[in-house]
Amino acid sequence: MAKLSTSLDDVFLALTDPTRRAILSRLGQGPASVGELAAPFDMALTSFMKHLKILERAGWITTAKAGRVRTCAIVTERFADVGAWVYAHRALWEA
């Protein structure tokens, strides 16, 4: 099988961590500040920010800063990328 593009590799890699999946689930309800997103997790803010950077680099989220508040929003097109890859390979799995 051909190697995934770097972009698609990053998309799937970002989904491997339960913290990042939880962040995406929360952002599915609407944009949120970094503080709101970090609140449920028992980790230092610097560690949490690494998760956000991975999601942003993979194209799952966008961030915008207004004053001292950084707000994150989900990029729904990434779900289509994953869905297209899975759909394209479904015939192989079902054979």
N, C-alpha and C. Protein backbone atom coordinates (compact mmCIF):
# COMPACT_ATOMS: atom_id res chain seq x y z
N MET A 1 0.85 -1.18 0.00
CA MET A 1 0.00 0.00 0.00
C MET A 1 0.89 1.24 0.00
N ALA A 2 0.47 2.25 -0.71
CA ALA A 2 1.23 3.50 -0.78
C ALA A 2 1.19 4.21 0.57
N LYS A 3 2.27 4.92 0.86
CA LYS A 3 2.35 5.67 2.11
C LYS A 3 1.38 6.85 2.06
N LEU A 4 0.73 7.12 3.18
CA LEU A 4 -0.17 8.27 3.27
C LEU A 4 0.63 9.55 3.10
N SER A 5 -0.01 10.57 2.62
CA SER A 5 0.67 11.87 2.55
C SER A 5 0.97 12.34 3.96
N THR A 6 1.95 13.20 4.08
CA THR A 6 2.30 13.72 5.40
C THR A 6 1.10 14.35 6.07
N SER A 7 0.31 15.09 5.32
CA SER A 7 -0.86 15.74 5.88
C SER A 7 -1.84 14.73 6.44
N LEU A 8 -2.12 13.67 5.69
CA LEU A 8 -3.05 12.66 6.17
C LEU A 8 -2.45 11.87 7.33
N ASP A 9 -1.15 11.66 7.32
CA ASP A 9 -0.48 11.04 8.47
C ASP A 9 -0.74 11.86 9.73
N ASP A 10 -0.57 13.17 9.62
CA ASP A 10 -0.79 14.05 10.77
C ASP A 10 -2.24 14.02 11.22
N VAL A 11 -3.16 13.93 10.27
CA VAL A 11 -4.58 13.88 10.58
C VAL A 11 -4.89 12.65 11.43
N PHE A 12 -4.39 11.50 11.01
CA PHE A 12 -4.65 10.28 11.77
C PHE A 12 -3.86 10.25 13.08
N LEU A 13 -2.62 10.73 13.07
CA LEU A 13 -1.80 10.75 14.28
C LEU A 13 -2.49 11.59 15.37
N ALA A 14 -3.09 12.68 14.98
CA ALA A 14 -3.76 13.54 15.95
C ALA A 14 -4.90 12.81 16.65
N LEU A 15 -5.50 11.84 15.98
CA LEU A 15 -6.63 11.10 16.56
C LEU A 15 -6.21 9.97 17.48
N THR A 16 -4.92 9.67 17.56
CA THR A 16 -4.48 8.53 18.37
C THR A 16 -4.52 8.79 19.86
N ASP A 17 -4.63 10.02 20.27
CA ASP A 17 -4.59 10.35 21.69
C ASP A 17 -5.99 10.65 22.22
N PRO A 18 -6.38 10.05 23.35
CA PRO A 18 -7.73 10.28 23.88
C PRO A 18 -7.98 11.74 24.30
N THR A 19 -6.95 12.44 24.74
CA THR A 19 -7.12 13.85 25.09
C THR A 19 -7.50 14.65 23.86
N ARG A 20 -6.81 14.41 22.76
CA ARG A 20 -7.10 15.15 21.53
C ARG A 20 -8.48 14.78 20.97
N ARG A 21 -8.87 13.52 21.09
CA ARG A 21 -10.22 13.15 20.65
C ARG A 21 -11.27 13.83 21.52
N ALA A 22 -11.01 13.94 22.82
CA ALA A 22 -11.95 14.62 23.72
C ALA A 22 -12.04 16.11 23.38
N ILE A 23 -10.93 16.71 23.02
CA ILE A 23 -10.94 18.12 22.62
C ILE A 23 -11.80 18.30 21.38
N LEU A 24 -11.63 17.42 20.40
CA LEU A 24 -12.44 17.51 19.19
C LEU A 24 -13.92 17.31 19.48
N SER A 25 -14.22 16.37 20.38
CA SER A 25 -15.62 16.16 20.76
C SER A 25 -16.21 17.42 21.38
N ARG A 26 -15.46 18.05 22.26
CA ARG A 26 -15.95 19.29 22.89
C ARG A 26 -16.12 20.39 21.86
N LEU A 27 -15.16 20.52 20.93
CA LEU A 27 -15.25 21.57 19.92
C LEU A 27 -16.38 21.30 18.92
N GLY A 28 -16.85 20.08 18.87
CA GLY A 28 -18.01 19.77 18.04
C GLY A 28 -19.26 20.49 18.51
N GLN A 29 -19.25 20.94 19.76
CA GLN A 29 -20.38 21.70 20.32
C GLN A 29 -20.25 23.20 20.04
N GLY A 30 -19.08 23.61 19.56
CA GLY A 30 -18.85 25.02 19.27
C GLY A 30 -17.48 25.45 19.75
N PRO A 31 -17.04 26.63 19.32
CA PRO A 31 -15.72 27.15 19.72
C PRO A 31 -15.61 27.28 21.23
N ALA A 32 -14.37 27.21 21.72
CA ALA A 32 -14.12 27.34 23.16
C ALA A 32 -12.73 27.93 23.37
N SER A 33 -12.58 28.59 24.50
CA SER A 33 -11.27 29.14 24.85
C SER A 33 -10.36 28.00 25.31
N VAL A 34 -9.07 28.27 25.28
CA VAL A 34 -8.10 27.27 25.74
C VAL A 34 -8.39 26.91 27.19
N GLY A 35 -8.71 27.88 28.01
CA GLY A 35 -9.01 27.62 29.41
C GLY A 35 -10.20 26.71 29.59
N GLU A 36 -11.25 26.93 28.80
CA GLU A 36 -12.44 26.08 28.86
C GLU A 36 -12.10 24.65 28.43
N LEU A 37 -11.29 24.54 27.38
CA LEU A 37 -10.92 23.20 26.89
C LEU A 37 -10.03 22.46 27.88
N ALA A 38 -9.14 23.19 28.53
CA ALA A 38 -8.17 22.57 29.44
C ALA A 38 -8.79 22.18 30.78
N ALA A 39 -9.86 22.84 31.18
CA ALA A 39 -10.43 22.65 32.52
C ALA A 39 -10.67 21.19 32.92
N PRO A 40 -11.21 20.32 32.06
CA PRO A 40 -11.50 18.95 32.49
C PRO A 40 -10.27 18.05 32.62
N PHE A 41 -9.12 18.52 32.20
CA PHE A 41 -7.93 17.65 32.17
C PHE A 41 -6.98 17.96 33.30
N ASP A 42 -6.46 16.92 33.90
CA ASP A 42 -5.52 17.04 35.01
C ASP A 42 -4.09 17.05 34.46
N MET A 43 -3.73 18.19 33.84
CA MET A 43 -2.38 18.33 33.31
C MET A 43 -2.01 19.80 33.28
N ALA A 44 -0.72 20.04 33.23
CA ALA A 44 -0.24 21.42 33.15
C ALA A 44 -0.68 22.05 31.83
N LEU A 45 -0.88 23.35 31.85
CA LEU A 45 -1.32 24.05 30.65
C LEU A 45 -0.32 23.88 29.51
N THR A 46 0.97 23.87 29.82
CA THR A 46 1.97 23.69 28.76
C THR A 46 1.81 22.32 28.08
N SER A 47 1.50 21.30 28.84
CA SER A 47 1.25 19.97 28.25
C SER A 47 -0.01 19.98 27.41
N PHE A 48 -1.03 20.65 27.89
CA PHE A 48 -2.28 20.74 27.15
C PHE A 48 -2.08 21.49 25.83
N MET A 49 -1.29 22.53 25.87
CA MET A 49 -1.03 23.32 24.67
C MET A 49 -0.35 22.48 23.59
N LYS A 50 0.46 21.50 23.98
CA LYS A 50 1.09 20.62 23.00
C LYS A 50 0.03 19.84 22.23
N HIS A 51 -1.02 19.43 22.91
CA HIS A 51 -2.13 18.73 22.24
C HIS A 51 -2.80 19.66 21.22
N LEU A 52 -3.02 20.90 21.63
CA LEU A 52 -3.64 21.85 20.71
C LEU A 52 -2.77 22.11 19.49
N LYS A 53 -1.46 22.19 19.70
CA LYS A 53 -0.56 22.42 18.57
C LYS A 53 -0.58 21.26 17.60
N ILE A 54 -0.66 20.05 18.11
CA ILE A 54 -0.75 18.88 17.24
C ILE A 54 -2.04 18.92 16.43
N LEU A 55 -3.14 19.24 17.09
CA LEU A 55 -4.43 19.34 16.38
C LEU A 55 -4.41 20.46 15.34
N GLU A 56 -3.79 21.57 15.68
CA GLU A 56 -3.74 22.68 14.74
C GLU A 56 -2.83 22.35 13.55
N ARG A 57 -1.69 21.74 13.81
CA ARG A 57 -0.77 21.38 12.73
C ARG A 57 -1.42 20.38 11.78
N ALA A 58 -2.25 19.49 12.32
CA ALA A 58 -2.93 18.48 11.50
C ALA A 58 -4.15 19.06 10.78
N GLY A 59 -4.52 20.29 11.10
CA GLY A 59 -5.66 20.91 10.44
C GLY A 59 -7.01 20.60 11.06
N TRP A 60 -7.01 20.00 12.26
CA TRP A 60 -8.27 19.67 12.93
C TRP A 60 -8.90 20.89 13.58
N ILE A 61 -8.07 21.86 14.01
CA ILE A 61 -8.60 23.05 14.69
C ILE A 61 -7.93 24.30 14.15
N THR A 62 -8.58 25.42 14.37
CA THR A 62 -7.98 26.73 14.15
C THR A 62 -8.01 27.45 15.49
N THR A 63 -7.09 28.38 15.66
CA THR A 63 -7.09 29.19 16.87
C THR A 63 -7.03 30.66 16.48
N ALA A 64 -7.63 31.46 17.31
CA ALA A 64 -7.60 32.92 17.11
C ALA A 64 -7.45 33.57 18.47
N LYS A 65 -6.65 34.61 18.52
CA LYS A 65 -6.42 35.30 19.78
C LYS A 65 -7.08 36.67 19.74
N ALA A 66 -7.85 36.95 20.78
CA ALA A 66 -8.47 38.26 20.97
C ALA A 66 -8.10 38.74 22.35
N GLY A 67 -7.21 39.70 22.42
CA GLY A 67 -6.71 40.14 23.72
C GLY A 67 -5.89 39.04 24.35
N ARG A 68 -6.28 38.61 25.53
CA ARG A 68 -5.56 37.55 26.24
C ARG A 68 -6.21 36.19 26.06
N VAL A 69 -7.29 36.11 25.30
CA VAL A 69 -8.05 34.86 25.17
C VAL A 69 -7.79 34.24 23.80
N ARG A 70 -7.34 33.00 23.81
CA ARG A 70 -7.16 32.23 22.58
C ARG A 70 -8.35 31.28 22.47
N THR A 71 -9.07 31.39 21.36
CA THR A 71 -10.26 30.57 21.12
C THR A 71 -9.96 29.55 20.03
N CYS A 72 -10.43 28.33 20.24
CA CYS A 72 -10.23 27.24 19.28
C CYS A 72 -11.57 26.88 18.64
N ALA A 73 -11.50 26.49 17.39
CA ALA A 73 -12.69 26.03 16.66
C ALA A 73 -12.29 24.82 15.83
N ILE A 74 -13.24 23.92 15.63
CA ILE A 74 -12.99 22.70 14.88
C ILE A 74 -13.05 22.99 13.37
N VAL A 75 -12.27 22.24 12.61
CA VAL A 75 -12.30 22.32 11.15
C VAL A 75 -12.97 21.04 10.66
N THR A 76 -14.23 21.15 10.30
CA THR A 76 -15.01 19.95 9.98
C THR A 76 -14.57 19.27 8.70
N GLU A 77 -13.87 19.97 7.82
CA GLU A 77 -13.41 19.36 6.58
C GLU A 77 -12.48 18.17 6.83
N ARG A 78 -11.80 18.16 7.96
CA ARG A 78 -10.88 17.06 8.26
C ARG A 78 -11.64 15.74 8.41
N PHE A 79 -12.87 15.80 8.89
CA PHE A 79 -13.67 14.58 8.99
C PHE A 79 -13.94 14.02 7.60
N ALA A 80 -14.15 14.89 6.63
CA ALA A 80 -14.36 14.45 5.26
C ALA A 80 -13.11 13.79 4.71
N ASP A 81 -11.92 14.32 5.05
CA ASP A 81 -10.67 13.71 4.60
C ASP A 81 -10.54 12.28 5.13
N VAL A 82 -10.81 12.11 6.40
CA VAL A 82 -10.73 10.78 7.01
C VAL A 82 -11.78 9.86 6.40
N GLY A 83 -13.00 10.36 6.26
CA GLY A 83 -14.07 9.57 5.68
C GLY A 83 -13.76 9.14 4.26
N ALA A 84 -13.18 10.02 3.47
CA ALA A 84 -12.83 9.69 2.09
C ALA A 84 -11.78 8.59 2.04
N TRP A 85 -10.79 8.67 2.93
CA TRP A 85 -9.75 7.64 2.95
C TRP A 85 -10.34 6.29 3.36
N VAL A 86 -11.16 6.29 4.38
CA VAL A 86 -11.79 5.04 4.84
C VAL A 86 -12.68 4.47 3.74
N TYR A 87 -13.48 5.31 3.12
CA TYR A 87 -14.38 4.86 2.07
C TYR A 87 -13.59 4.25 0.90
N ALA A 88 -12.50 4.88 0.53
CA ALA A 88 -11.69 4.40 -0.59
C ALA A 88 -11.09 3.02 -0.30
N HIS A 89 -10.85 2.71 0.96
CA HIS A 89 -10.23 1.44 1.33
C HIS A 89 -11.23 0.39 1.82
N ARG A 90 -12.47 0.76 1.90
CA ARG A 90 -13.50 -0.15 2.41
C ARG A 90 -13.61 -1.42 1.58
N ALA A 91 -13.54 -1.29 0.28
CA ALA A 91 -13.64 -2.46 -0.59
C ALA A 91 -12.54 -3.49 -0.29
N LEU A 92 -11.35 -3.01 0.02
CA LEU A 92 -10.25 -3.92 0.37
C LEU A 92 -10.56 -4.70 1.65
N TRP A 93 -11.11 -4.02 2.63
CA TRP A 93 -11.38 -4.66 3.91
C TRP A 93 -12.53 -5.64 3.82
N GLU A 94 -13.49 -5.35 2.94
CA GLU A 94 -14.66 -6.21 2.83
C GLU A 94 -14.43 -7.41 1.89
N ALA A 95 -13.34 -7.38 1.15
CA ALA A 95 -13.04 -8.47 0.21
C ALA A 95 -12.55 -9.72 0.94
